Amino acid sequence: MPSLYIALPEELRGDEKLHKREKMNYLYYGDNLDILGRYIKDESIDLIYLDPPFKSNQNYNVLFKERNGTKSSAQIKAFEDTWHWDRKAEDTYIKIVEKLPKKIADLIRALRSFLGENDMMAYLVMMAIRLQELHRVLKPTGSIYLHCDPTASHYLKLVMDTIFGHKNFRNEIIWNYGRGASNIKFALPKGHETLLFFAKSNNSQWIPSLKPYSKKLLKSLRKDEKGYYYTRGQRTGRREVAEWEKKSKVGLKTYVDLEHGGTKCTDIWNDLGGYPRSNESLGYPTQKPEALLERIIKASSNKNDIVLDPFCGCGTTIAVAEKLKREWIGIDITHLAVSLMKHRLKDTFENGVKYEVVGEPIDLKGAEELATQDRYQFQWWALGLAGARPAKSEQKKGADEGIDGYIYFHDDPKQKETKEVIIQVKSGHAGSGMIDALKGVVEKKNAQIGVFITLEEPTKSMKTGAVSSGYYKSPLGHNYPKIQILTIQELLEGKRIDYPVRARGTDATFRKTERHKEEGKQKEMF
């Protein structure tokens, strides 16, 4: 990634690295291999969770199809969760064989001899070099959880055995989410995924995971005269039964510690569900439930420890780490994900979250560099800067009718009608014809407002065309320009789209997660 648009603080530009500063939360845009090498120092991370992108919902045999293309690999985009054997994979293979420790080099050579040059081998090559970096940054007391599925888990187990040591293997955790469909004719429906749990050493932190008590047990609880909760029958709590209770005429009582208790987990987790709860869901296809990350983070870290997710996606790991008072580092290679994570943190935490974003354009020159490098990443970044949702997540121009993004809002106090702002983003030369086209799309879609975001300064005729479109008259009693033009420079300076209820905070651009309440406040309310 060109360093031209890396948002380094002034005092750290040059050879200084960000991790030498005071502890803080960080959100990085970029390739995690590059980020790990540039910013994360040796043995500085307490816990790593990663859910690498991989297209496992396709026919298994497709993964072994030979691919000998030599074109440069595109960046991995959100929702395009697959890797291919190409020039980049070949170069990474050579680097592993020539530079990495002999054990991992020998394993990767053997796997290539067995698998050939295909998507599966490309995936293993790209993962091996990253897992080696993750081993470097993990503390001796640290742990790592690699989320995968049966398509590749057996190969990844070999890679992790080699890098972390087979003696440091702790568990193959089965996350049984109890649902699934199979598109293969002669196969059972898929109902679980796998987490490979490794420690860095025998000194790794470990707090036994506990499942919450069942609803059936909780309903059966009674209180004794001292205010302790108890049930009858087999011991399920952590309190030992007192000697005098054994002599009681009413029979044996089992005391239950509601504050710290629970039933111990096995390596099969079938109590967490599969889909995120409705108040968590952001519509991200690979989003995991917060309960899954909460169990992992509680089991293998303490308050103020540092949690790292190098494939951060929609930010479930960092959101849960923040709730549990851990420090965190999130990395993702798309501006779409980074934008989503920023909105999630803002929506979830009422008092705000202190963190720094590294890798976004901070000035016009950086924006121009990003547009030159990858116009789709530029488009996603610009939409995020404007607070808009992308209309598509692929790098393909289809029948989108010139719509790059949108904002939903509600401004009618009497009706629940959802209204829309349509957005176009242009990184190259723009002219008045584009404003006319935007007018046509707004009219056809029956949208209320159209916005044209441009990297270049708009021409006089473009401004005239926008003004001539008139206004959208809101039921709230205010008029908003029907067609608006915003430059990237204006967005960087803080100017925003002018539409109803923006200041009221009731727009529906992104799905919002439930507000997080501090533990103390929850008890107070109870």
Protein backbone atom coordinates (compact mmCIF):
# COMPACT_ATOMS: atom_id res chain seq x y z
CA MET A 1 0.00 0.00 0.00
CA PRO A 2 1.49 3.39 -0.88
CA SER A 3 2.51 5.25 2.25
CA LEU A 4 1.33 8.49 0.65
CA TYR A 5 -2.10 8.30 2.24
CA ILE A 6 -1.30 6.53 5.52
CA ALA A 7 -2.74 8.71 8.26
CA LEU A 8 0.28 8.77 10.56
CA PRO A 9 0.36 11.39 13.30
CA GLU A 10 2.86 14.16 12.58
CA GLU A 11 5.20 13.22 15.43
CA LEU A 12 5.47 9.63 14.21
CA ARG A 13 6.19 10.16 10.53
CA GLY A 14 9.48 8.69 9.47
CA ASP A 15 10.97 5.65 11.15
CA GLU A 16 8.92 5.79 14.35
CA LYS A 17 6.18 3.19 14.65
CA LEU A 18 2.74 3.71 16.08
CA HIS A 19 3.02 1.03 18.74
CA LYS A 20 5.69 3.04 20.59
CA ARG A 21 3.03 5.51 21.67
CA GLU A 22 0.81 5.34 24.72
CA LYS A 23 -1.63 2.42 24.76
CA MET A 24 -4.74 3.00 22.69
CA ASN A 25 -7.28 1.28 20.43
CA TYR A 26 -6.47 1.22 16.72
CA LEU A 27 -8.44 0.55 13.55
CA TYR A 28 -6.23 -0.08 10.53
CA TYR A 29 -7.13 -0.03 6.86
CA GLY A 30 -4.83 -2.20 4.75
CA ASP A 31 -3.40 -5.66 4.17
CA ASN A 32 -2.95 -7.23 7.60
CA LEU A 33 0.42 -8.72 6.62
CA ASP A 34 1.72 -5.23 5.92
CA ILE A 35 0.08 -3.73 9.01
CA LEU A 36 1.46 -6.42 11.33
CA GLY A 37 4.97 -5.93 10.03
CA ARG A 38 4.89 -2.14 10.16
CA TYR A 39 3.03 -1.38 13.35
CA ILE A 40 2.75 -4.31 15.77
CA LYS A 41 5.82 -5.10 17.87
CA ASP A 42 6.98 -8.52 19.05
CA GLU A 43 5.06 -10.21 21.87
CA SER A 44 2.65 -7.30 22.43
CA ILE A 45 -0.77 -8.97 21.96
CA ASP A 46 -2.67 -10.96 24.60
CA LEU A 47 -5.36 -12.57 22.45
CA ILE A 48 -5.90 -13.05 18.72
CA TYR A 49 -9.17 -14.04 17.08
CA LEU A 50 -9.36 -14.36 13.31
CA ASP A 51 -12.07 -15.42 10.91
CA PRO A 52 -10.28 -15.36 7.54
CA PRO A 53 -12.40 -14.95 4.41
CA PHE A 54 -12.83 -18.16 2.48
CA LYS A 55 -15.51 -19.23 0.05
CA SER A 56 -16.61 -22.48 1.62
CA ASN A 57 -20.21 -22.44 0.39
CA GLN A 58 -19.26 -23.71 -3.03
CA ASN A 59 -18.68 -27.21 -4.34
CA TYR A 60 -15.65 -28.62 -2.48
CA ASN A 61 -13.98 -29.85 -5.67
CA VAL A 62 -13.95 -26.37 -7.19
CA LEU A 63 -11.31 -25.43 -4.61
CA PHE A 64 -8.89 -27.87 -6.19
CA LYS A 65 -9.30 -26.67 -9.75
CA GLU A 66 -5.93 -25.77 -11.26
CA ARG A 67 -5.43 -22.02 -11.68
CA ASN A 68 -2.16 -20.98 -13.25
CA GLY A 69 -3.02 -17.37 -14.08
CA THR A 70 -0.24 -14.83 -13.69
CA LYS A 71 -2.24 -11.60 -13.45
CA SER A 72 -1.88 -9.58 -10.27
CA SER A 73 -4.27 -10.57 -7.53
CA ALA A 74 -6.99 -8.06 -6.73
CA GLN A 75 -7.46 -6.99 -3.15
CA ILE A 76 -9.82 -9.19 -1.23
CA LYS A 77 -13.14 -7.40 -1.06
CA ALA A 78 -15.90 -7.78 1.46
CA PHE A 79 -18.20 -10.64 0.42
CA GLU A 80 -15.66 -11.91 -2.16
CA ASP A 81 -14.28 -14.42 0.30
CA THR A 82 -11.96 -16.50 -1.86
CA TRP A 83 -8.26 -16.57 -2.77
CA HIS A 84 -6.72 -17.67 -6.06
CA TRP A 85 -3.41 -19.14 -7.17
CA ASP A 86 -1.84 -16.32 -9.13
CA ARG A 87 1.41 -14.38 -9.28
CA LYS A 88 0.93 -13.01 -5.76
CA ALA A 89 0.42 -16.51 -4.34
CA GLU A 90 3.49 -17.79 -6.20
CA ASP A 91 5.64 -14.93 -4.86
CA THR A 92 4.39 -15.56 -1.31
CA TYR A 93 5.19 -19.27 -1.66
CA ILE A 94 8.75 -18.42 -2.68
CA LYS A 95 9.09 -16.06 0.29
CA ILE A 96 7.92 -18.77 2.71
CA VAL A 97 10.34 -21.34 1.33
CA GLU A 98 13.31 -18.96 1.29
CA LYS A 99 12.73 -16.82 4.41
CA LEU A 100 10.56 -18.61 6.97
CA PRO A 101 11.75 -21.30 9.43
CA LYS A 102 12.58 -24.65 7.88
CA LYS A 103 9.66 -26.53 9.46
CA ILE A 104 6.99 -24.33 7.93
CA ALA A 105 8.87 -24.14 4.60
CA ASP A 106 9.04 -27.95 4.43
CA LEU A 107 5.33 -28.26 5.24
CA ILE A 108 4.25 -25.77 2.59
CA ARG A 109 6.44 -27.48 -0.01
CA ALA A 110 4.88 -30.84 0.87
CA LEU A 111 1.35 -29.42 0.70
CA ARG A 112 2.02 -27.93 -2.72
CA SER A 113 3.34 -31.26 -3.93
CA PHE A 114 0.11 -32.87 -2.75
CA LEU A 115 -2.47 -30.19 -3.65
CA GLY A 116 -0.96 -28.53 -6.72
CA GLU A 117 -1.59 -24.90 -7.69
CA ASN A 118 -5.20 -24.18 -6.82
CA ASP A 119 -7.38 -22.01 -4.61
CA MET A 120 -6.87 -24.21 -1.56
CA MET A 121 -3.10 -23.98 -1.87
CA ALA A 122 -3.29 -20.21 -2.38
CA TYR A 123 -5.35 -19.95 0.79
CA LEU A 124 -2.85 -22.01 2.80
CA VAL A 125 0.11 -20.02 1.49
CA MET A 126 -1.51 -16.68 2.32
CA MET A 127 -2.55 -17.95 5.76
CA ALA A 128 0.82 -19.51 6.62
CA ILE A 129 2.77 -16.29 6.22
CA ARG A 130 0.18 -14.38 8.26
CA LEU A 131 0.07 -16.98 11.03
CA GLN A 132 3.84 -16.73 11.30
CA GLU A 133 3.47 -12.96 11.86
CA LEU A 134 0.68 -13.52 14.38
CA HIS A 135 2.93 -15.92 16.30
CA ARG A 136 5.56 -13.17 16.44
CA VAL A 137 3.24 -10.53 17.92
CA LEU A 138 1.55 -12.85 20.46
CA LYS A 139 2.77 -12.69 24.07
CA PRO A 140 4.12 -15.88 25.71
CA THR A 141 0.97 -15.76 27.88
CA GLY A 142 -1.26 -15.24 24.83
CA SER A 143 -3.72 -17.41 22.91
CA ILE A 144 -5.04 -17.54 19.37
CA TYR A 145 -8.41 -18.74 18.03
CA LEU A 146 -8.59 -19.44 14.30
CA HIS A 147 -12.15 -19.66 12.97
CA CYS A 148 -12.60 -21.96 9.98
CA ASP A 149 -14.84 -24.71 8.67
CA PRO A 150 -14.32 -28.37 7.73
CA THR A 151 -13.32 -27.45 4.18
CA ALA A 152 -9.85 -26.33 5.29
CA SER A 153 -9.59 -26.94 9.04
CA HIS A 154 -7.45 -30.09 8.72
CA TYR A 155 -4.87 -28.27 6.56
CA LEU A 156 -4.84 -25.24 8.86
CA LYS A 157 -4.34 -27.51 11.87
CA LEU A 158 -1.11 -28.78 10.28
CA VAL A 159 0.06 -25.21 9.63
CA MET A 160 -0.71 -24.14 13.21
CA ASP A 161 0.90 -27.27 14.67
CA THR A 162 4.05 -26.33 12.80
CA ILE A 163 4.09 -22.63 13.71
CA PHE A 164 2.74 -22.70 17.29
CA GLY A 165 3.85 -26.23 18.18
CA HIS A 166 1.63 -29.26 18.53
CA LYS A 167 2.18 -29.23 22.31
CA ASN A 168 0.47 -25.83 22.46
CA PHE A 169 -2.71 -27.08 20.83
CA ARG A 170 -5.56 -26.74 23.31
CA ASN A 171 -8.87 -27.50 21.61
CA GLU A 172 -10.70 -28.00 18.39
CA ILE A 173 -13.86 -26.14 19.38
CA ILE A 174 -17.03 -27.08 17.52
CA TRP A 175 -19.42 -24.15 17.19
CA ASN A 176 -22.68 -25.97 16.53
CA TYR A 177 -25.18 -23.39 15.34
CA GLY A 178 -27.88 -25.96 14.66
CA ARG A 179 -28.90 -24.89 11.20
CA GLY A 180 -27.64 -25.25 7.69
CA ALA A 181 -28.51 -26.29 4.19
CA SER A 182 -26.59 -28.37 1.73
CA ASN A 183 -26.47 -27.70 -1.98
CA ILE A 184 -24.62 -30.98 -2.52
CA LYS A 185 -26.92 -33.83 -3.43
CA PHE A 186 -25.29 -36.59 -1.37
CA ALA A 187 -24.26 -34.81 1.82
CA LEU A 188 -25.66 -33.92 5.21
CA PRO A 189 -26.62 -30.30 5.89
CA LYS A 190 -23.79 -28.21 7.31
CA GLY A 191 -24.41 -27.25 10.95
CA HIS A 192 -21.10 -26.29 12.52
CA GLU A 193 -17.84 -24.43 12.14
CA THR A 194 -14.49 -25.03 13.82
CA LEU A 195 -12.25 -22.90 16.02
CA LEU A 196 -8.64 -24.03 16.41
CA PHE A 197 -7.47 -22.89 19.85
CA PHE A 198 -3.69 -22.68 20.42
CA ALA A 199 -1.63 -21.17 23.22
CA LYS A 200 1.76 -19.50 22.74
CA SER A 201 3.22 -21.47 25.68
CA ASN A 202 2.33 -23.35 28.86
CA ASN A 203 2.02 -19.98 30.61
CA SER A 204 -1.00 -18.85 28.62
CA GLN A 205 -3.92 -17.25 30.42
CA TRP A 206 -6.97 -19.42 30.88
CA ILE A 207 -10.20 -18.77 32.73
CA PRO A 208 -12.58 -21.75 32.40
CA SER A 209 -15.51 -20.86 30.19
CA LEU A 210 -18.95 -21.03 31.78
CA LYS A 211 -22.32 -21.30 30.13
CA PRO A 212 -25.11 -19.29 31.74
CA TYR A 213 -27.48 -21.39 33.81
CA SER A 214 -30.47 -22.73 31.92
CA LYS A 215 -33.82 -20.97 32.06
CA LYS A 216 -35.28 -24.14 33.58
CA LEU A 217 -32.81 -24.00 36.46
CA LEU A 218 -33.29 -20.29 37.03
CA LYS A 219 -37.07 -20.73 37.25
CA SER A 220 -36.62 -23.41 39.91
CA LEU A 221 -34.52 -21.25 42.25
CA ARG A 222 -35.66 -20.26 45.72
CA LYS A 223 -34.21 -17.93 48.34
CA ASP A 224 -33.26 -18.98 51.86
CA GLU A 225 -33.46 -16.77 54.93
CA LYS A 226 -29.97 -15.38 54.25
CA GLY A 227 -30.88 -14.34 50.70
CA TYR A 228 -28.93 -17.12 48.95
CA TYR A 229 -30.43 -18.85 45.93
CA TYR A 230 -30.78 -22.61 45.97
CA THR A 231 -32.40 -25.49 44.14
CA ARG A 232 -32.85 -29.14 45.01
CA GLY A 233 -31.24 -32.19 43.54
CA GLN A 234 -27.86 -32.60 41.84
CA ARG A 235 -25.27 -29.90 42.50
CA THR A 236 -25.14 -27.37 39.68
CA GLY A 237 -23.70 -24.29 41.37
CA ARG A 238 -20.23 -23.44 42.61
CA ARG A 239 -21.16 -23.12 46.30
CA GLU A 240 -20.56 -26.25 48.36
CA VAL A 241 -23.51 -27.57 50.33
CA ALA A 242 -23.09 -26.65 54.01
CA GLU A 243 -22.94 -29.46 56.60
CA TRP A 244 -26.03 -28.24 58.46
CA GLU A 245 -28.00 -28.23 55.22
CA LYS A 246 -27.33 -31.93 54.81
CA LYS A 247 -29.05 -32.53 58.15
CA SER A 248 -32.05 -30.42 57.20
CA LYS A 249 -35.37 -32.21 57.26
CA VAL A 250 -36.45 -30.56 54.02
CA GLY A 251 -33.77 -32.38 52.11
CA LEU A 252 -30.55 -31.50 50.30
CA LYS A 253 -30.23 -27.94 48.97
CA THR A 254 -27.91 -27.00 46.13
CA TYR A 255 -26.73 -23.40 46.29
CA VAL A 256 -26.23 -21.48 43.07
CA ASP A 257 -23.82 -18.57 42.62
CA LEU A 258 -25.68 -16.36 40.16
CA GLU A 259 -22.94 -13.72 39.98
CA HIS A 260 -19.96 -15.94 39.15
CA GLY A 261 -21.45 -19.33 38.47
CA GLY A 262 -22.41 -21.31 35.43
CA THR A 263 -21.94 -24.75 33.95
CA LYS A 264 -18.51 -25.52 32.52
CA CYS A 265 -18.21 -25.58 28.75
CA THR A 266 -16.95 -28.53 26.77
CA ASP A 267 -15.33 -28.09 23.35
CA ILE A 268 -18.77 -28.29 21.72
CA TRP A 269 -20.58 -24.95 21.89
CA ASN A 270 -24.22 -25.48 21.03
CA ASP A 271 -25.78 -22.79 23.22
CA LEU A 272 -24.74 -19.66 21.30
CA GLY A 273 -26.97 -19.88 18.25
CA GLY A 274 -25.83 -19.13 14.75
CA TYR A 275 -27.20 -15.79 13.68
CA PRO A 276 -26.42 -12.59 15.59
CA ARG A 277 -29.34 -11.41 17.68
CA SER A 278 -31.64 -8.98 15.89
CA ASN A 279 -30.31 -6.05 17.93
CA GLU A 280 -26.75 -6.94 16.83
CA SER A 281 -27.28 -7.71 13.16
CA LEU A 282 -25.74 -5.34 10.63
CA GLY A 283 -26.60 -7.36 7.54
CA TYR A 284 -22.97 -8.46 7.09
CA PRO A 285 -23.05 -11.99 5.64
CA THR A 286 -20.20 -13.42 7.75
CA GLN A 287 -21.14 -11.64 10.99
CA LYS A 288 -20.76 -13.79 14.12
CA PRO A 289 -22.86 -13.47 17.29
CA GLU A 290 -21.38 -11.36 20.08
CA ALA A 291 -21.90 -14.25 22.52
CA LEU A 292 -19.27 -16.28 20.62
CA LEU A 293 -16.63 -13.56 20.94
CA GLU A 294 -17.61 -12.83 24.52
CA ARG A 295 -16.89 -16.43 25.53
CA ILE A 296 -13.50 -16.40 23.79
CA ILE A 297 -12.40 -13.03 25.17
CA LYS A 298 -13.49 -13.84 28.74
CA ALA A 299 -11.72 -17.21 28.63
CA SER A 300 -8.34 -16.03 27.35
CA SER A 301 -7.84 -12.41 28.46
CA ASN A 302 -8.26 -10.03 31.37
CA LYS A 303 -9.36 -6.41 31.59
CA ASN A 304 -6.95 -3.99 29.84
CA ASP A 305 -5.38 -6.82 27.80
CA ILE A 306 -4.96 -6.22 24.06
CA VAL A 307 -7.19 -8.16 21.65
CA LEU A 308 -6.31 -8.31 17.93
CA ASP A 309 -8.55 -9.23 14.99
CA PRO A 310 -6.63 -9.10 11.68
CA PHE A 311 -9.73 -9.83 9.55
CA CYS A 312 -12.08 -7.51 11.39
CA GLY A 313 -15.04 -7.38 8.96
CA CYS A 314 -17.99 -5.66 10.62
CA GLY A 315 -16.17 -5.32 13.96
CA THR A 316 -17.81 -7.83 16.29
CA THR A 317 -14.47 -8.59 17.98
CA ILE A 318 -13.62 -4.97 18.71
CA ALA A 319 -17.16 -4.14 19.85
CA VAL A 320 -17.17 -7.02 22.36
CA ALA A 321 -13.59 -6.23 23.48
CA GLU A 322 -14.68 -2.65 24.16
CA LYS A 323 -17.69 -3.83 26.18
CA LEU A 324 -15.44 -6.11 28.24
CA LYS A 325 -12.94 -3.29 28.85
CA ARG A 326 -10.12 -4.72 26.78
CA GLU A 327 -7.92 -2.69 24.47
CA TRP A 328 -8.18 -3.70 20.84
CA ILE A 329 -6.68 -3.56 17.36
CA GLY A 330 -8.81 -4.21 14.28
CA ILE A 331 -7.50 -4.58 10.72
CA ASP A 332 -9.42 -4.84 7.46
CA ILE A 333 -8.54 -4.46 3.81
CA THR A 334 -11.69 -2.67 2.66
CA HIS A 335 -12.90 0.84 3.38
CA LEU A 336 -16.41 -0.61 3.35
CA ALA A 337 -15.63 -2.61 6.51
CA VAL A 338 -13.72 0.23 8.16
CA SER A 339 -16.64 2.59 7.59
CA LEU A 340 -19.09 0.03 8.99
CA MET A 341 -16.94 -0.48 12.10
CA LYS A 342 -16.76 3.25 12.77
CA HIS A 343 -20.55 3.52 12.58
CA ARG A 344 -20.95 0.46 14.81
CA LEU A 345 -18.72 1.90 17.53
CA LYS A 346 -20.55 5.23 17.37
CA ASP A 347 -23.99 3.62 17.56
CA THR A 348 -23.14 1.10 20.29
CA PHE A 349 -21.31 3.21 22.84
CA GLU A 350 -23.15 6.23 24.13
CA ASN A 351 -20.09 7.87 25.66
CA GLY A 352 -17.95 7.29 22.60
CA VAL A 353 -14.86 5.13 22.09
CA LYS A 354 -11.30 6.43 21.97
CA TYR A 355 -9.50 4.98 19.00
CA GLU A 356 -7.37 6.03 16.06
CA VAL A 357 -7.92 5.13 12.40
CA VAL A 358 -4.73 4.50 10.44
CA GLY A 359 -4.63 4.17 6.67
CA GLU A 360 -7.41 6.48 5.50
CA PRO A 361 -6.78 9.50 3.29
CA ILE A 362 -6.35 12.60 5.41
CA ASP A 363 -6.08 15.17 2.63
CA LEU A 364 -6.89 15.71 -1.04
CA LYS A 365 -3.54 14.31 -2.17
CA GLY A 366 -4.18 11.09 -0.29
CA ALA A 367 -7.68 10.84 -1.77
CA GLU A 368 -6.27 11.25 -5.28
CA GLU A 369 -3.72 8.50 -4.60
CA LEU A 370 -6.44 6.13 -3.39
CA ALA A 371 -8.58 6.90 -6.46
CA THR A 372 -5.63 6.13 -8.73
CA GLN A 373 -4.84 2.88 -6.94
CA ASP A 374 -8.38 1.51 -6.62
CA ARG A 375 -11.45 3.48 -7.62
CA TYR A 376 -13.81 1.11 -5.81
CA GLN A 377 -11.98 1.52 -2.53
CA PHE A 378 -12.09 5.28 -3.16
CA GLN A 379 -15.83 5.06 -3.76
CA TRP A 380 -16.43 3.13 -0.52
CA TRP A 381 -14.22 5.53 1.44
CA ALA A 382 -16.01 8.59 0.01
CA LEU A 383 -19.42 7.12 0.85
CA GLY A 384 -18.25 6.40 4.39
CA LEU A 385 -16.96 9.96 4.69
CA ALA A 386 -20.42 11.21 3.70
CA GLY A 387 -22.21 8.82 6.08
CA ALA A 388 -23.80 6.81 3.25
CA ARG A 389 -24.29 3.11 2.65
CA PRO A 390 -22.81 1.55 -0.52
CA ALA A 391 -25.33 0.37 -3.07
CA LYS A 392 -23.13 -2.58 -3.98
CA SER A 393 -20.12 -4.39 -2.58
CA GLU A 394 -18.67 -5.88 -5.74
CA GLN A 395 -16.23 -4.47 -8.24
CA LYS A 396 -18.68 -4.97 -11.08
CA LYS A 397 -20.77 -2.41 -12.84
CA GLY A 398 -24.16 -3.92 -13.32
CA ALA A 399 -27.62 -2.53 -13.73
CA ASP A 400 -27.13 -0.11 -10.84
CA GLU A 401 -28.57 2.80 -12.82
CA GLY A 402 -25.77 5.08 -11.67
CA ILE A 403 -26.43 4.63 -7.95
CA ASP A 404 -23.28 4.22 -5.84
CA GLY A 405 -24.77 4.76 -2.40
CA TYR A 406 -27.82 5.86 -0.48
CA ILE A 407 -29.11 7.20 2.82
CA TYR A 408 -32.54 6.36 4.23
CA PHE A 409 -34.37 8.80 6.47
CA HIS A 410 -37.78 9.46 8.03
CA ASP A 411 -39.15 13.00 8.33
CA ASP A 412 -42.93 12.63 8.29
CA PRO A 413 -44.28 12.70 11.86
CA LYS A 414 -47.63 11.22 10.76
CA GLN A 415 -46.40 8.40 8.52
CA LYS A 416 -43.65 5.78 8.62
CA GLU A 417 -42.66 6.20 4.99
CA THR A 418 -38.96 5.59 4.37
CA LYS A 419 -37.38 8.24 2.16
CA GLU A 420 -34.12 8.17 0.27
CA VAL A 421 -31.04 10.14 -0.69
CA ILE A 422 -29.34 8.75 -3.81
CA ILE A 423 -25.58 9.28 -4.15
CA GLN A 424 -23.14 9.13 -7.05
CA VAL A 425 -19.36 9.25 -6.61
CA LYS A 426 -16.99 10.38 -9.36
CA SER A 427 -13.21 10.16 -9.10
CA GLY A 428 -12.47 11.32 -12.65
CA HIS A 429 -13.57 14.11 -14.96
CA ALA A 430 -17.12 15.32 -14.31
CA GLY A 431 -19.46 17.42 -16.44
CA SER A 432 -22.97 18.84 -16.50
CA GLY A 433 -24.27 15.73 -18.26
CA MET A 434 -23.69 13.75 -15.08
CA ILE A 435 -25.88 16.13 -13.10
CA ASP A 436 -28.64 15.71 -15.70
CA ALA A 437 -28.26 11.93 -15.41
CA LEU A 438 -28.49 12.09 -11.61
CA LYS A 439 -31.69 14.13 -11.91
CA GLY A 440 -33.15 11.40 -14.10
CA VAL A 441 -32.24 8.65 -11.62
CA VAL A 442 -33.73 10.61 -8.69
CA GLU A 443 -36.95 11.14 -10.63
CA LYS A 444 -37.16 7.52 -11.80
CA LYS A 445 -36.54 6.14 -8.30
CA ASN A 446 -38.89 8.66 -6.72
CA ALA A 447 -36.10 9.66 -4.35
CA GLN A 448 -36.22 12.91 -2.41
CA ILE A 449 -32.60 14.09 -2.84
CA GLY A 450 -29.69 13.34 -5.16
CA VAL A 451 -26.05 13.97 -4.22
CA PHE A 452 -23.05 14.10 -6.54
CA ILE A 453 -19.66 13.59 -4.81
CA THR A 454 -16.68 14.61 -6.94
CA LEU A 455 -12.92 14.53 -6.51
CA GLU A 456 -12.53 17.44 -8.93
CA GLU A 457 -14.03 20.89 -8.56
CA PRO A 458 -17.49 21.09 -10.21
CA THR A 459 -17.90 23.26 -13.29
CA LYS A 460 -20.14 26.32 -13.39
CA SER A 461 -22.65 24.50 -15.58
CA MET A 462 -22.82 21.63 -13.05
CA LYS A 463 -23.60 24.07 -10.24
CA THR A 464 -26.24 25.79 -12.35
CA GLY A 465 -27.87 22.46 -13.23
CA ALA A 466 -28.00 21.47 -9.55
CA VAL A 467 -29.53 24.79 -8.43
CA SER A 468 -32.17 24.67 -11.17
CA SER A 469 -33.54 21.42 -9.73
CA GLY A 470 -35.25 23.24 -6.89
CA TYR A 471 -35.90 21.90 -3.41
CA TYR A 472 -37.31 18.95 -1.52
CA LYS A 473 -39.91 20.33 0.90
CA SER A 474 -39.87 18.35 4.14
CA PRO A 475 -43.03 17.92 6.25
CA LEU A 476 -40.87 19.18 9.13
CA GLY A 477 -41.01 22.62 7.55
CA HIS A 478 -37.58 23.01 5.96
CA ASN A 479 -36.44 22.99 2.33
CA TYR A 480 -33.42 20.98 1.14
CA PRO A 481 -31.67 21.29 -2.25
CA LYS A 482 -33.03 18.57 -4.52
CA ILE A 483 -29.64 18.04 -6.19
CA GLN A 484 -26.47 18.69 -4.18
CA ILE A 485 -22.80 18.68 -5.18
CA LEU A 486 -20.09 17.97 -2.62
CA THR A 487 -16.36 17.84 -3.29
CA ILE A 488 -13.99 15.49 -1.47
CA GLN A 489 -12.20 18.56 -0.13
CA GLU A 490 -15.45 19.82 1.41
CA LEU A 491 -16.14 16.44 3.00
CA LEU A 492 -12.63 16.35 4.47
CA GLU A 493 -13.26 19.81 5.92
CA GLY A 494 -16.42 18.58 7.64
CA LYS A 495 -19.22 19.59 5.27
CA ARG A 496 -22.06 17.06 5.10
CA ILE A 497 -25.08 16.19 2.98
CA ASP A 498 -28.05 18.44 3.76
CA TYR A 499 -31.10 16.26 4.34
CA PRO A 500 -33.93 16.04 6.91
CA VAL A 501 -33.38 14.81 10.45
CA ARG A 502 -29.62 14.42 10.01
CA ALA A 503 -29.11 16.44 13.18
CA ARG A 504 -31.79 14.46 14.99
CA GLY A 505 -29.88 11.20 14.59
CA THR A 506 -32.83 9.22 13.24
CA ASP A 507 -31.53 8.38 9.79
CA ALA A 508 -31.40 4.72 8.81
CA THR A 509 -28.30 4.65 6.64
CA PHE A 510 -26.66 1.75 8.47
CA ARG A 511 -28.35 -0.85 10.61
CA LYS A 512 -27.74 0.13 14.20
CA THR A 513 -26.74 -2.11 17.08
CA GLU A 514 -28.22 -1.89 20.54
CA ARG A 515 -26.72 0.75 22.86
CA HIS A 516 -24.28 -0.76 25.33
CA LYS A 517 -25.07 -0.11 28.99
CA GLU A 518 -22.29 -0.08 31.54
CA GLU A 519 -22.44 -3.00 33.98
CA GLY A 520 -22.74 -0.68 36.98
CA LYS A 521 -25.64 1.18 35.40
CA GLN A 522 -27.41 -2.08 34.64
CA LYS A 523 -27.22 -3.18 38.27
CA GLU A 524 -28.38 0.25 39.37
CA MET A 525 -31.41 0.04 37.08
CA PHE A 526 -32.17 -3.49 38.29
